[in-house]
Amino acid sequence: MVRVVIVDDHAVVRSGLRQFLVATDDFEVAAEAATGGELLALVGSTEADVVLLDITLPDMNGLEVLKRIKLVRPGLPVLIFSMFAEDEFAMPALHAGAAGYLNKDSPPTQILSAIRTVVGGGRYISPALAERLIDGTINGARRLPHETLSPREMSVMLLLSKGVSLTRIGEQLHLSVKTISTYRSRILEKLNMQSNAEITRYVLEHKLGPD
């Protein structure tokens, strides 16, 4: 049996995935979590073969959670399961240590295939993204400005785009206001911007937030 940990802050998503997986003979749900904190509290003691992890959680960014999982269970494959555009977030997720990236719009057969691939030691991206990578439509020479951001900078940028204050961002990410201010300065520099309003406009134009 493939033991799956489901991490998503939406109960209906977790319920749908659980029903789908348990209806398949070789899958079982080992645990569920609604936040990064909940996952980190259980991942060290839960027998699991794979983590199905949403990239947007209420307490921390999924890529930060991923890094912390790797410190506790380096051999545990993590499959990012997200509504974010694959072109924008798949490669940062893979670089951060994810075993694969799967969009929530994926058909059930693709979800099963992705889980089996990463549990078997492989890495997973969709056939469509793989084809674009082969064709060279996603490469360093054509990187968009936000693709130069680190996972933490991306988290801060998305929160800034929503009008969240530096103090509140610091509380959510468990960092000082000074550190968040430093991240904001780096983001503005990398994106060649001057204000939070420009960040918000950029995020909207590039559809970087969840659908």
N, C-alpha and C. Protein backbone atom coordinates (compact mmCIF):
# COMPACT_ATOMS: atom_id res chain seq x y z
N MET A 1 0.83 -1.20 0.00
CA MET A 1 0.00 0.00 0.00
C MET A 1 0.87 1.26 0.00
N VAL A 2 0.48 2.24 -0.78
CA VAL A 2 1.15 3.53 -0.81
C VAL A 2 0.46 4.43 0.22
N ARG A 3 1.22 4.85 1.23
CA ARG A 3 0.66 5.67 2.31
C ARG A 3 0.88 7.14 2.00
N VAL A 4 -0.22 7.88 1.87
CA VAL A 4 -0.18 9.28 1.44
C VAL A 4 -0.56 10.21 2.58
N VAL A 5 0.19 11.29 2.74
CA VAL A 5 -0.19 12.37 3.65
C VAL A 5 -0.72 13.52 2.80
N ILE A 6 -1.94 13.96 3.09
CA ILE A 6 -2.58 15.04 2.33
C ILE A 6 -2.49 16.33 3.12
N VAL A 7 -1.96 17.39 2.50
CA VAL A 7 -1.82 18.68 3.17
C VAL A 7 -2.50 19.76 2.33
N ASP A 8 -3.62 20.26 2.82
CA ASP A 8 -4.37 21.30 2.13
C ASP A 8 -5.26 21.99 3.14
N ASP A 9 -5.37 23.31 3.06
CA ASP A 9 -6.18 24.02 4.06
C ASP A 9 -7.67 23.98 3.77
N HIS A 10 -8.06 23.42 2.64
CA HIS A 10 -9.48 23.29 2.30
C HIS A 10 -9.96 21.87 2.61
N ALA A 11 -10.89 21.76 3.54
CA ALA A 11 -11.40 20.45 3.96
C ALA A 11 -12.02 19.69 2.80
N VAL A 12 -12.69 20.41 1.90
CA VAL A 12 -13.35 19.73 0.78
C VAL A 12 -12.32 19.11 -0.16
N VAL A 13 -11.17 19.76 -0.31
CA VAL A 13 -10.10 19.20 -1.16
C VAL A 13 -9.54 17.94 -0.52
N ARG A 14 -9.27 18.01 0.79
CA ARG A 14 -8.74 16.83 1.49
C ARG A 14 -9.73 15.68 1.43
N SER A 15 -11.01 15.99 1.62
CA SER A 15 -12.04 14.95 1.59
C SER A 15 -12.12 14.29 0.21
N GLY A 16 -12.10 15.12 -0.84
CA GLY A 16 -12.17 14.58 -2.19
C GLY A 16 -10.99 13.70 -2.53
N LEU A 17 -9.80 14.15 -2.13
CA LEU A 17 -8.60 13.34 -2.39
C LEU A 17 -8.63 12.04 -1.59
N ARG A 18 -9.07 12.13 -0.34
CA ARG A 18 -9.12 10.93 0.50
C ARG A 18 -10.07 9.89 -0.10
N GLN A 19 -11.27 10.32 -0.49
CA GLN A 19 -12.23 9.39 -1.07
C GLN A 19 -11.70 8.77 -2.36
N PHE A 20 -11.05 9.59 -3.16
CA PHE A 20 -10.51 9.10 -4.42
C PHE A 20 -9.39 8.09 -4.19
N LEU A 21 -8.49 8.40 -3.26
CA LEU A 21 -7.35 7.53 -3.03
C LEU A 21 -7.75 6.21 -2.38
N VAL A 22 -8.62 6.25 -1.39
CA VAL A 22 -8.99 5.01 -0.70
C VAL A 22 -9.83 4.10 -1.59
N ALA A 23 -10.40 4.69 -2.64
CA ALA A 23 -11.16 3.86 -3.59
C ALA A 23 -10.23 3.10 -4.54
N THR A 24 -8.94 3.44 -4.48
CA THR A 24 -7.94 2.76 -5.29
C THR A 24 -7.25 1.70 -4.44
N ASP A 25 -7.14 0.49 -4.94
CA ASP A 25 -6.71 -0.65 -4.13
C ASP A 25 -5.37 -0.48 -3.43
N ASP A 26 -4.42 0.20 -4.07
CA ASP A 26 -3.07 0.24 -3.51
C ASP A 26 -2.71 1.56 -2.84
N PHE A 27 -3.71 2.35 -2.44
CA PHE A 27 -3.45 3.61 -1.75
C PHE A 27 -4.20 3.68 -0.43
N GLU A 28 -3.59 4.34 0.55
CA GLU A 28 -4.29 4.65 1.79
C GLU A 28 -3.81 6.02 2.28
N VAL A 29 -4.67 6.72 3.01
CA VAL A 29 -4.32 8.03 3.55
C VAL A 29 -3.76 7.84 4.95
N ALA A 30 -2.49 8.14 5.11
CA ALA A 30 -1.82 7.94 6.40
C ALA A 30 -2.13 9.06 7.38
N ALA A 31 -2.32 10.28 6.87
CA ALA A 31 -2.61 11.42 7.73
C ALA A 31 -3.05 12.60 6.87
N GLU A 32 -3.66 13.59 7.54
CA GLU A 32 -4.06 14.82 6.87
C GLU A 32 -3.61 16.01 7.71
N ALA A 33 -3.38 17.13 7.05
CA ALA A 33 -3.03 18.36 7.76
C ALA A 33 -3.59 19.55 6.99
N ALA A 34 -3.98 20.58 7.74
CA ALA A 34 -4.54 21.77 7.11
C ALA A 34 -3.54 22.92 7.07
N THR A 35 -2.44 22.78 7.81
CA THR A 35 -1.42 23.84 7.85
C THR A 35 -0.03 23.23 7.80
N GLY A 36 0.94 24.07 7.53
CA GLY A 36 2.33 23.61 7.54
C GLY A 36 2.74 23.15 8.92
N GLY A 37 2.29 23.88 9.94
CA GLY A 37 2.63 23.51 11.31
C GLY A 37 2.11 22.14 11.70
N GLU A 38 0.87 21.85 11.30
CA GLU A 38 0.29 20.53 11.58
C GLU A 38 1.09 19.43 10.91
N LEU A 39 1.48 19.66 9.68
CA LEU A 39 2.26 18.66 8.96
C LEU A 39 3.60 18.42 9.64
N LEU A 40 4.29 19.48 9.98
CA LEU A 40 5.62 19.34 10.58
C LEU A 40 5.55 18.65 11.94
N ALA A 41 4.41 18.80 12.62
CA ALA A 41 4.25 18.15 13.92
C ALA A 41 4.06 16.65 13.80
N LEU A 42 3.55 16.19 12.65
CA LEU A 42 3.26 14.76 12.52
C LEU A 42 4.19 14.01 11.57
N VAL A 43 4.89 14.73 10.70
CA VAL A 43 5.62 14.04 9.65
C VAL A 43 6.76 13.17 10.19
N GLY A 44 7.34 13.57 11.31
CA GLY A 44 8.45 12.79 11.85
C GLY A 44 8.04 11.47 12.44
N SER A 45 6.77 11.35 12.84
CA SER A 45 6.31 10.13 13.51
C SER A 45 5.28 9.34 12.71
N THR A 46 4.94 9.81 11.54
CA THR A 46 3.93 9.15 10.71
C THR A 46 4.58 8.29 9.63
N GLU A 47 4.14 7.05 9.53
CA GLU A 47 4.64 6.18 8.46
C GLU A 47 3.98 6.60 7.15
N ALA A 48 4.76 7.12 6.26
CA ALA A 48 4.22 7.62 5.00
C ALA A 48 5.20 7.37 3.88
N ASP A 49 4.66 7.26 2.67
CA ASP A 49 5.50 7.04 1.48
C ASP A 49 5.61 8.30 0.62
N VAL A 50 4.66 9.24 0.80
CA VAL A 50 4.65 10.45 -0.02
C VAL A 50 3.78 11.50 0.66
N VAL A 51 4.16 12.76 0.46
CA VAL A 51 3.35 13.88 0.94
C VAL A 51 2.79 14.62 -0.26
N LEU A 52 1.48 14.82 -0.26
CA LEU A 52 0.81 15.59 -1.30
C LEU A 52 0.56 16.97 -0.70
N LEU A 53 1.35 17.96 -1.12
CA LEU A 53 1.44 19.24 -0.41
C LEU A 53 0.96 20.42 -1.25
N ASP A 54 -0.04 21.14 -0.73
CA ASP A 54 -0.48 22.38 -1.37
C ASP A 54 0.60 23.43 -1.16
N ILE A 55 0.77 24.30 -2.13
CA ILE A 55 1.82 25.31 -2.04
C ILE A 55 1.37 26.54 -1.26
N THR A 56 0.04 26.70 -1.10
CA THR A 56 -0.51 27.86 -0.40
C THR A 56 -1.19 27.40 0.88
N LEU A 57 -0.57 27.67 2.02
CA LEU A 57 -1.10 27.29 3.32
C LEU A 57 -1.26 28.54 4.18
N PRO A 58 -2.16 28.51 5.15
CA PRO A 58 -2.45 29.72 5.91
C PRO A 58 -1.32 30.22 6.81
N ASP A 59 -0.44 29.32 7.22
CA ASP A 59 0.60 29.73 8.16
C ASP A 59 1.98 29.90 7.54
N MET A 60 2.24 29.25 6.42
CA MET A 60 3.53 29.39 5.77
C MET A 60 3.45 28.91 4.32
N ASN A 61 4.40 29.35 3.52
CA ASN A 61 4.44 28.94 2.13
C ASN A 61 4.83 27.48 2.01
N GLY A 62 4.20 26.78 1.06
CA GLY A 62 4.46 25.36 0.89
C GLY A 62 5.91 25.03 0.60
N LEU A 63 6.62 25.92 -0.07
CA LEU A 63 8.02 25.66 -0.37
C LEU A 63 8.88 25.74 0.89
N GLU A 64 8.48 26.59 1.83
CA GLU A 64 9.17 26.63 3.11
C GLU A 64 8.90 25.36 3.90
N VAL A 65 7.65 24.89 3.86
CA VAL A 65 7.30 23.63 4.51
C VAL A 65 8.11 22.50 3.92
N LEU A 66 8.23 22.50 2.61
CA LEU A 66 9.01 21.48 1.91
C LEU A 66 10.44 21.42 2.43
N LYS A 67 11.07 22.57 2.57
CA LYS A 67 12.45 22.60 3.05
C LYS A 67 12.57 22.02 4.46
N ARG A 68 11.58 22.32 5.30
CA ARG A 68 11.62 21.81 6.68
C ARG A 68 11.37 20.30 6.72
N ILE A 69 10.50 19.82 5.83
CA ILE A 69 10.28 18.37 5.75
C ILE A 69 11.59 17.67 5.42
N LYS A 70 12.34 18.25 4.50
CA LYS A 70 13.58 17.63 4.05
C LYS A 70 14.62 17.55 5.16
N LEU A 71 14.51 18.45 6.14
CA LEU A 71 15.43 18.38 7.28
C LEU A 71 15.09 17.22 8.21
N VAL A 72 13.79 16.90 8.30
CA VAL A 72 13.33 15.83 9.19
C VAL A 72 13.31 14.47 8.49
N ARG A 73 12.79 14.47 7.25
CA ARG A 73 12.67 13.23 6.48
C ARG A 73 13.23 13.45 5.08
N PRO A 74 14.53 13.51 4.92
CA PRO A 74 15.12 13.83 3.62
C PRO A 74 14.74 12.87 2.50
N GLY A 75 14.43 11.62 2.85
CA GLY A 75 14.11 10.65 1.82
C GLY A 75 12.64 10.57 1.47
N LEU A 76 11.80 11.36 2.14
CA LEU A 76 10.36 11.31 1.90
C LEU A 76 10.01 12.18 0.69
N PRO A 77 9.48 11.59 -0.38
CA PRO A 77 9.13 12.39 -1.56
C PRO A 77 7.93 13.30 -1.29
N VAL A 78 8.03 14.52 -1.78
CA VAL A 78 6.95 15.50 -1.63
C VAL A 78 6.48 15.92 -3.02
N LEU A 79 5.20 15.72 -3.25
CA LEU A 79 4.60 16.09 -4.53
C LEU A 79 3.76 17.35 -4.31
N ILE A 80 4.17 18.44 -4.93
CA ILE A 80 3.42 19.69 -4.80
C ILE A 80 2.13 19.58 -5.60
N PHE A 81 1.02 19.93 -4.95
CA PHE A 81 -0.32 19.83 -5.55
C PHE A 81 -0.95 21.20 -5.44
N SER A 82 -1.02 21.94 -6.55
CA SER A 82 -1.33 23.37 -6.45
C SER A 82 -2.19 23.88 -7.59
N MET A 83 -2.84 25.03 -7.33
CA MET A 83 -3.58 25.71 -8.38
C MET A 83 -2.70 26.72 -9.13
N PHE A 84 -1.49 26.95 -8.63
CA PHE A 84 -0.61 27.90 -9.30
C PHE A 84 -0.20 27.37 -10.68
N ALA A 85 0.02 28.30 -11.59
CA ALA A 85 0.42 27.93 -12.95
C ALA A 85 1.71 27.12 -12.92
N GLU A 86 1.70 26.02 -13.63
CA GLU A 86 2.85 25.12 -13.66
C GLU A 86 4.09 25.80 -14.20
N ASP A 87 3.93 26.60 -15.23
CA ASP A 87 5.07 27.29 -15.84
C ASP A 87 5.80 28.17 -14.84
N GLU A 88 5.04 28.73 -13.88
CA GLU A 88 5.63 29.70 -12.97
C GLU A 88 6.26 29.04 -11.74
N PHE A 89 5.69 27.94 -11.26
CA PHE A 89 6.08 27.42 -9.96
C PHE A 89 6.68 26.02 -9.96
N ALA A 90 6.55 25.29 -11.05
CA ALA A 90 7.07 23.92 -11.05
C ALA A 90 8.57 23.88 -10.84
N MET A 91 9.31 24.68 -11.59
CA MET A 91 10.77 24.62 -11.48
C MET A 91 11.28 25.12 -10.12
N PRO A 92 10.75 26.23 -9.57
CA PRO A 92 11.16 26.61 -8.21
C PRO A 92 10.88 25.52 -7.19
N ALA A 93 9.74 24.82 -7.35
CA ALA A 93 9.40 23.74 -6.43
C ALA A 93 10.39 22.59 -6.55
N LEU A 94 10.73 22.22 -7.76
CA LEU A 94 11.70 21.14 -7.97
C LEU A 94 13.08 21.52 -7.45
N HIS A 95 13.46 22.76 -7.65
CA HIS A 95 14.76 23.23 -7.16
C HIS A 95 14.79 23.25 -5.63
N ALA A 96 13.61 23.43 -5.01
CA ALA A 96 13.53 23.47 -3.54
C ALA A 96 13.51 22.07 -2.93
N GLY A 97 13.44 21.04 -3.79
CA GLY A 97 13.49 19.68 -3.28
C GLY A 97 12.26 18.85 -3.51
N ALA A 98 11.25 19.40 -4.18
CA ALA A 98 10.04 18.63 -4.47
C ALA A 98 10.36 17.50 -5.45
N ALA A 99 9.65 16.38 -5.29
CA ALA A 99 9.83 15.26 -6.21
C ALA A 99 8.98 15.43 -7.46
N GLY A 100 8.04 16.37 -7.40
CA GLY A 100 7.19 16.59 -8.56
C GLY A 100 6.24 17.74 -8.33
N TYR A 101 5.58 18.15 -9.40
CA TYR A 101 4.63 19.25 -9.34
C TYR A 101 3.40 18.86 -10.14
N LEU A 102 2.23 19.00 -9.49
CA LEU A 102 0.99 18.57 -10.10
C LEU A 102 -0.07 19.65 -9.92
N ASN A 103 -0.74 20.03 -10.99
CA ASN A 103 -1.79 21.03 -10.91
C ASN A 103 -3.09 20.39 -10.44
N LYS A 104 -3.87 21.12 -9.66
CA LYS A 104 -5.12 20.59 -9.11
C LYS A 104 -6.17 20.31 -10.19
N ASP A 105 -5.95 20.84 -11.37
CA ASP A 105 -6.87 20.56 -12.47
C ASP A 105 -6.57 19.23 -13.16
N SER A 106 -5.54 18.54 -12.71
CA SER A 106 -5.12 17.30 -13.35
C SER A 106 -6.20 16.22 -13.21
N PRO A 107 -6.37 15.38 -14.23
CA PRO A 107 -7.33 14.28 -14.14
C PRO A 107 -6.87 13.23 -13.13
N PRO A 108 -7.81 12.46 -12.58
CA PRO A 108 -7.47 11.45 -11.55
C PRO A 108 -6.35 10.49 -11.95
N THR A 109 -6.37 10.05 -13.20
CA THR A 109 -5.34 9.10 -13.63
C THR A 109 -3.95 9.72 -13.57
N GLN A 110 -3.87 11.03 -13.83
CA GLN A 110 -2.58 11.72 -13.79
C GLN A 110 -2.11 11.88 -12.34
N ILE A 111 -3.04 12.09 -11.43
CA ILE A 111 -2.68 12.19 -10.01
C ILE A 111 -2.07 10.88 -9.53
N LEU A 112 -2.71 9.77 -9.86
CA LEU A 112 -2.20 8.46 -9.47
C LEU A 112 -0.83 8.19 -10.10
N SER A 113 -0.71 8.54 -11.37
CA SER A 113 0.57 8.34 -12.06
C SER A 113 1.68 9.15 -11.42
N ALA A 114 1.38 10.39 -11.05
CA ALA A 114 2.39 11.25 -10.43
C ALA A 114 2.83 10.69 -9.09
N ILE A 115 1.86 10.26 -8.28
CA ILE A 115 2.20 9.70 -6.96
C ILE A 115 3.06 8.46 -7.12
N ARG A 116 2.67 7.57 -8.02
CA ARG A 116 3.43 6.33 -8.21
C ARG A 116 4.84 6.63 -8.71
N THR A 117 4.97 7.65 -9.56
CA THR A 117 6.28 8.00 -10.10
C THR A 117 7.23 8.45 -8.99
N VAL A 118 6.77 9.36 -8.13
CA VAL A 118 7.67 9.90 -7.09
C VAL A 118 7.93 8.87 -5.99
N VAL A 119 6.93 8.03 -5.70
CA VAL A 119 7.14 6.97 -4.71
C VAL A 119 8.17 5.97 -5.22
N GLY A 120 8.19 5.78 -6.53
CA GLY A 120 9.15 4.87 -7.14
C GLY A 120 10.54 5.46 -7.31
N GLY A 121 10.73 6.68 -6.83
CA GLY A 121 12.05 7.30 -6.88
C GLY A 121 12.26 8.26 -8.04
N GLY A 122 11.23 8.45 -8.86
CA GLY A 122 11.35 9.36 -9.99
C GLY A 122 10.91 10.77 -9.65
N ARG A 123 10.97 11.63 -10.64
CA ARG A 123 10.48 13.00 -10.49
C ARG A 123 9.37 13.19 -11.50
N TYR A 124 8.40 14.03 -11.12
CA TYR A 124 7.23 14.16 -11.99
C TYR A 124 6.95 15.61 -12.36
N ILE A 125 6.79 15.85 -13.66
CA ILE A 125 6.16 17.06 -14.19
C ILE A 125 5.21 16.59 -15.27
N SER A 126 4.24 17.41 -15.60
CA SER A 126 3.25 17.00 -16.58
C SER A 126 3.89 16.84 -17.96
N PRO A 127 3.30 16.00 -18.80
CA PRO A 127 3.82 15.85 -20.16
C PRO A 127 3.86 17.18 -20.92
N ALA A 128 2.86 18.04 -20.66
CA ALA A 128 2.82 19.33 -21.36
C ALA A 128 4.02 20.20 -20.98
N LEU A 129 4.34 20.25 -19.68
CA LEU A 129 5.49 21.04 -19.25
C LEU A 129 6.78 20.42 -19.75
N ALA A 130 6.87 19.11 -19.71
CA ALA A 130 8.08 18.44 -20.19
C ALA A 130 8.32 18.78 -21.66
N GLU A 131 7.26 18.82 -22.44
CA GLU A 131 7.40 19.14 -23.87
C GLU A 131 7.88 20.57 -24.05
N ARG A 132 7.34 21.50 -23.24
CA ARG A 132 7.76 22.89 -23.36
C ARG A 132 9.22 23.06 -22.95
N LEU A 133 9.63 22.30 -21.94
CA LEU A 133 11.03 22.37 -21.53
C LEU A 133 11.95 21.86 -22.64
N ILE A 134 11.55 20.77 -23.26
CA ILE A 134 12.34 20.21 -24.36
C ILE A 134 12.42 21.19 -25.54
N ASP A 135 11.29 21.87 -25.78
CA ASP A 135 11.24 22.83 -26.88
C ASP A 135 12.00 24.11 -26.57
N GLY A 136 12.40 24.25 -25.31
CA GLY A 136 13.16 25.43 -24.95
C GLY A 136 12.34 26.67 -24.69
N THR A 137 11.03 26.48 -24.43
CA THR A 137 10.19 27.65 -24.19
C THR A 137 10.32 28.15 -22.76
N ILE A 138 10.94 27.35 -21.89
CA ILE A 138 11.22 27.81 -20.53
C ILE A 138 12.71 27.62 -20.32
N ASN A 139 13.46 28.70 -20.27
CA ASN A 139 14.90 28.58 -20.08
C ASN A 139 15.44 29.83 -19.42
N GLY A 140 16.68 29.76 -18.99
CA GLY A 140 17.27 30.87 -18.27
C GLY A 140 17.30 32.16 -19.06
N ALA A 141 17.49 32.06 -20.37
CA ALA A 141 17.60 33.27 -21.17
C ALA A 141 16.28 34.02 -21.26
N ARG A 142 15.16 33.33 -20.97
CA ARG A 142 13.86 33.95 -21.12
C ARG A 142 13.12 33.99 -19.79
N ARG A 143 13.85 33.99 -18.71
CA ARG A 143 13.23 34.00 -17.39
C ARG A 143 12.53 35.33 -17.14
N LEU A 144 11.35 35.24 -16.53
CA LEU A 144 10.64 36.44 -16.12
C LEU A 144 11.25 36.94 -14.81
N PRO A 145 11.08 38.22 -14.50
CA PRO A 145 11.71 38.78 -13.30
C PRO A 145 11.41 38.00 -12.02
N HIS A 146 10.15 37.58 -11.83
CA HIS A 146 9.81 36.89 -10.58
C HIS A 146 10.45 35.51 -10.47
N GLU A 147 10.91 34.96 -11.60
CA GLU A 147 11.56 33.64 -11.56
C GLU A 147 12.96 33.71 -10.94
N THR A 148 13.45 34.93 -10.71
CA THR A 148 14.74 35.08 -10.03
C THR A 148 14.58 35.13 -8.51
N LEU A 149 13.34 35.16 -8.03
CA LEU A 149 13.09 35.24 -6.60
C LEU A 149 13.27 33.88 -5.93
N SER A 150 13.74 33.91 -4.70
CA SER A 150 13.82 32.68 -3.90
C SER A 150 12.42 32.31 -3.43
N PRO A 151 12.20 31.07 -2.97
CA PRO A 151 10.88 30.69 -2.44
C PRO A 151 10.40 31.64 -1.35
N ARG A 152 11.28 32.06 -0.43
CA ARG A 152 10.87 32.96 0.63
C ARG A 152 10.50 34.33 0.08
N GLU A 153 11.28 34.83 -0.89
CA GLU A 153 10.96 36.11 -1.51
C GLU A 153 9.62 36.03 -2.25
N MET A 154 9.36 34.89 -2.88
CA MET A 154 8.07 34.71 -3.55
C MET A 154 6.92 34.77 -2.55
N SER A 155 7.09 34.15 -1.39
CA SER A 155 6.07 34.18 -0.35
C SER A 155 5.78 35.61 0.08
N VAL A 156 6.85 36.36 0.34
CA VAL A 156 6.70 37.75 0.77
C VAL A 156 6.03 38.58 -0.32
N MET A 157 6.44 38.37 -1.57
CA MET A 157 5.85 39.12 -2.67
C MET A 157 4.35 38.90 -2.77
N LEU A 158 3.91 37.65 -2.66
CA LEU A 158 2.49 37.35 -2.78
C LEU A 158 1.70 37.97 -1.64
N LEU A 159 2.27 37.98 -0.45
CA LEU A 159 1.59 38.60 0.69
C LEU A 159 1.55 40.12 0.53
N LEU A 160 2.63 40.72 0.06
CA LEU A 160 2.64 42.16 -0.19
C LEU A 160 1.60 42.54 -1.23
N SER A 161 1.45 41.69 -2.24
CA SER A 161 0.48 41.99 -3.31
C SER A 161 -0.96 42.00 -2.80
N LYS A 162 -1.18 41.33 -1.66
CA LYS A 162 -2.52 41.29 -1.07
C LYS A 162 -2.74 42.42 -0.07
N GLY A 163 -1.73 43.27 0.09
CA GLY A 163 -1.86 44.39 1.01
C GLY A 163 -1.56 44.05 2.45
N VAL A 164 -0.94 42.90 2.69
CA VAL A 164 -0.60 42.50 4.05
C VAL A 164 0.57 43.34 4.55
N SER A 165 0.47 43.84 5.77
CA SER A 165 1.52 44.70 6.32
C SER A 165 2.79 43.92 6.61
N LEU A 166 3.91 44.64 6.72
CA LEU A 166 5.18 43.99 7.04
C LEU A 166 5.11 43.28 8.38
N THR A 167 4.45 43.91 9.33
CA THR A 167 4.32 43.30 10.66
C THR A 167 3.57 41.98 10.60
N ARG A 168 2.46 41.99 9.87
CA ARG A 168 1.65 40.78 9.75
C ARG A 168 2.39 39.68 8.99
N ILE A 169 3.11 40.07 7.94
CA ILE A 169 3.90 39.09 7.18
C ILE A 169 4.93 38.45 8.09
N GLY A 170 5.59 39.28 8.90
CA GLY A 170 6.57 38.76 9.84
C GLY A 170 5.96 37.76 10.80
N GLU A 171 4.75 38.04 11.28
CA GLU A 171 4.07 37.12 12.19
C GLU A 171 3.76 35.80 11.49
N GLN A 172 3.29 35.87 10.24
CA GLN A 172 2.93 34.65 9.51
C GLN A 172 4.15 33.79 9.19
N LEU A 173 5.26 34.45 8.88
CA LEU A 173 6.46 33.71 8.48
C LEU A 173 7.44 33.52 9.62
N HIS A 174 7.06 34.02 10.81
CA HIS A 174 7.90 33.87 12.01
C HIS A 174 9.27 34.53 11.82
N LEU A 175 9.23 35.75 11.25
CA LEU A 175 10.43 36.52 11.02
C LEU A 175 10.23 37.94 11.55
N SER A 176 11.33 38.65 11.80
CA SER A 176 11.24 40.02 12.29
C SER A 176 10.79 40.96 11.18
N VAL A 177 10.23 42.10 11.59
CA VAL A 177 9.81 43.11 10.62
C VAL A 177 11.02 43.59 9.81
N LYS A 178 12.17 43.70 10.46
CA LYS A 178 13.39 44.14 9.77
C LYS A 178 13.76 43.16 8.66
N THR A 179 13.64 41.86 8.96
CA THR A 179 13.96 40.85 7.94
C THR A 179 12.99 40.93 6.77
N ILE A 180 11.70 41.11 7.07
CA ILE A 180 10.70 41.22 6.01
C ILE A 180 10.95 42.46 5.18
N SER A 181 11.35 43.54 5.82
CA SER A 181 11.67 44.77 5.10
C SER A 181 12.84 44.55 4.14
N THR A 182 13.81 43.76 4.59
CA THR A 182 14.95 43.44 3.73
C THR A 182 14.50 42.63 2.52
N TYR A 183 13.62 41.65 2.76
CA TYR A 183 13.09 40.86 1.65
C TYR A 183 12.35 41.76 0.66
N ARG A 184 11.56 42.69 1.20
CA ARG A 184 10.81 43.59 0.33
C ARG A 184 11.76 44.39 -0.55
N SER A 185 12.84 44.88 0.02
CA SER A 185 13.82 45.66 -0.75
C SER A 185 14.44 44.82 -1.86
N ARG A 186 14.75 43.56 -1.55
CA ARG A 186 15.33 42.67 -2.56
C ARG A 186 14.34 42.42 -3.70
N ILE A 187 13.08 42.22 -3.31
CA ILE A 187 12.04 41.96 -4.32
C ILE A 187 11.90 43.15 -5.25
N LEU A 188 11.80 44.34 -4.67
CA LEU A 188 11.67 45.56 -5.49
C LEU A 188 12.87 45.72 -6.42
N GLU A 189 14.05 45.41 -5.91
CA GLU A 189 15.26 45.53 -6.73
C GLU A 189 15.25 44.52 -7.88
N LYS A 190 14.91 43.26 -7.57
CA LYS A 190 14.92 42.23 -8.61
C LYS A 190 13.84 42.47 -9.67
N LEU A 191 12.70 43.03 -9.24
CA LEU A 191 11.62 43.28 -10.18
C LEU A 191 11.71 44.67 -10.81
N ASN A 192 12.72 45.46 -10.37
CA ASN A 192 12.91 46.82 -10.87
C ASN A 192 11.65 47.66 -10.62
N MET A 193 11.19 47.64 -9.38
CA MET A 193 9.98 48.36 -8.99
C MET A 193 10.27 49.30 -7.83
N GLN A 194 9.28 50.17 -7.54
CA GLN A 194 9.45 51.16 -6.49
C GLN A 194 8.42 51.05 -5.37
N SER A 195 7.32 50.34 -5.60
CA SER A 195 6.24 50.36 -4.62
C SER A 195 5.50 49.03 -4.56
N ASN A 196 4.72 48.87 -3.48
CA ASN A 196 3.88 47.69 -3.33
C ASN A 196 2.79 47.65 -4.40
N ALA A 197 2.33 48.83 -4.81
CA ALA A 197 1.29 48.88 -5.84
C ALA A 197 1.78 48.24 -7.14
N GLU A 198 3.05 48.47 -7.47
CA GLU A 198 3.62 47.86 -8.66
C GLU A 198 3.71 46.34 -8.50
N ILE A 199 4.04 45.90 -7.30
CA ILE A 199 4.08 44.45 -7.03
C ILE A 199 2.71 43.85 -7.25
N THR A 200 1.68 44.50 -6.71
CA THR A 200 0.31 43.99 -6.86
C THR A 200 -0.08 43.90 -8.32
N ARG A 201 0.22 44.94 -9.07
CA ARG A 201 -0.11 44.94 -10.51
C ARG A 201 0.63 43.82 -11.24
N TYR A 202 1.89 43.61 -10.90
CA TYR A 202 2.69 42.56 -11.53
C TYR A 202 2.10 41.19 -11.24
N VAL A 203 1.75 40.94 -9.99
CA VAL A 203 1.19 39.64 -9.60
C VAL A 203 -0.11 39.38 -10.35
N LEU A 204 -0.95 40.40 -10.46
CA LEU A 204 -2.22 40.26 -11.18
C LEU A 204 -1.99 39.99 -12.67
N GLU A 205 -1.07 40.77 -13.26
CA GLU A 205 -0.81 40.63 -14.70
C GLU A 205 -0.26 39.24 -15.04
N HIS A 206 0.55 38.68 -14.15
CA HIS A 206 1.15 37.38 -14.42
C HIS A 206 0.39 36.22 -13.78
N LYS A 207 -0.74 36.56 -13.17
CA LYS A 207 -1.63 35.54 -12.58
C LYS A 207 -0.86 34.62 -11.65
N LEU A 208 -0.12 35.22 -10.73
CA LEU A 208 0.73 34.44 -9.83
C LEU A 208 -0.02 33.95 -8.61
N GLY A 209 -1.14 34.55 -8.30
CA GLY A 209 -1.91 34.08 -7.15
C GLY A 209 -2.72 32.86 -7.53
N PRO A 210 -3.29 32.14 -6.51
CA PRO A 210 -4.13 30.99 -6.81
C PRO A 210 -5.39 31.40 -7.55
N ASP A 211 -5.89 30.50 -8.40
CA ASP A 211 -7.10 30.80 -9.17
C ASP A 211 -8.30 30.92 -8.24
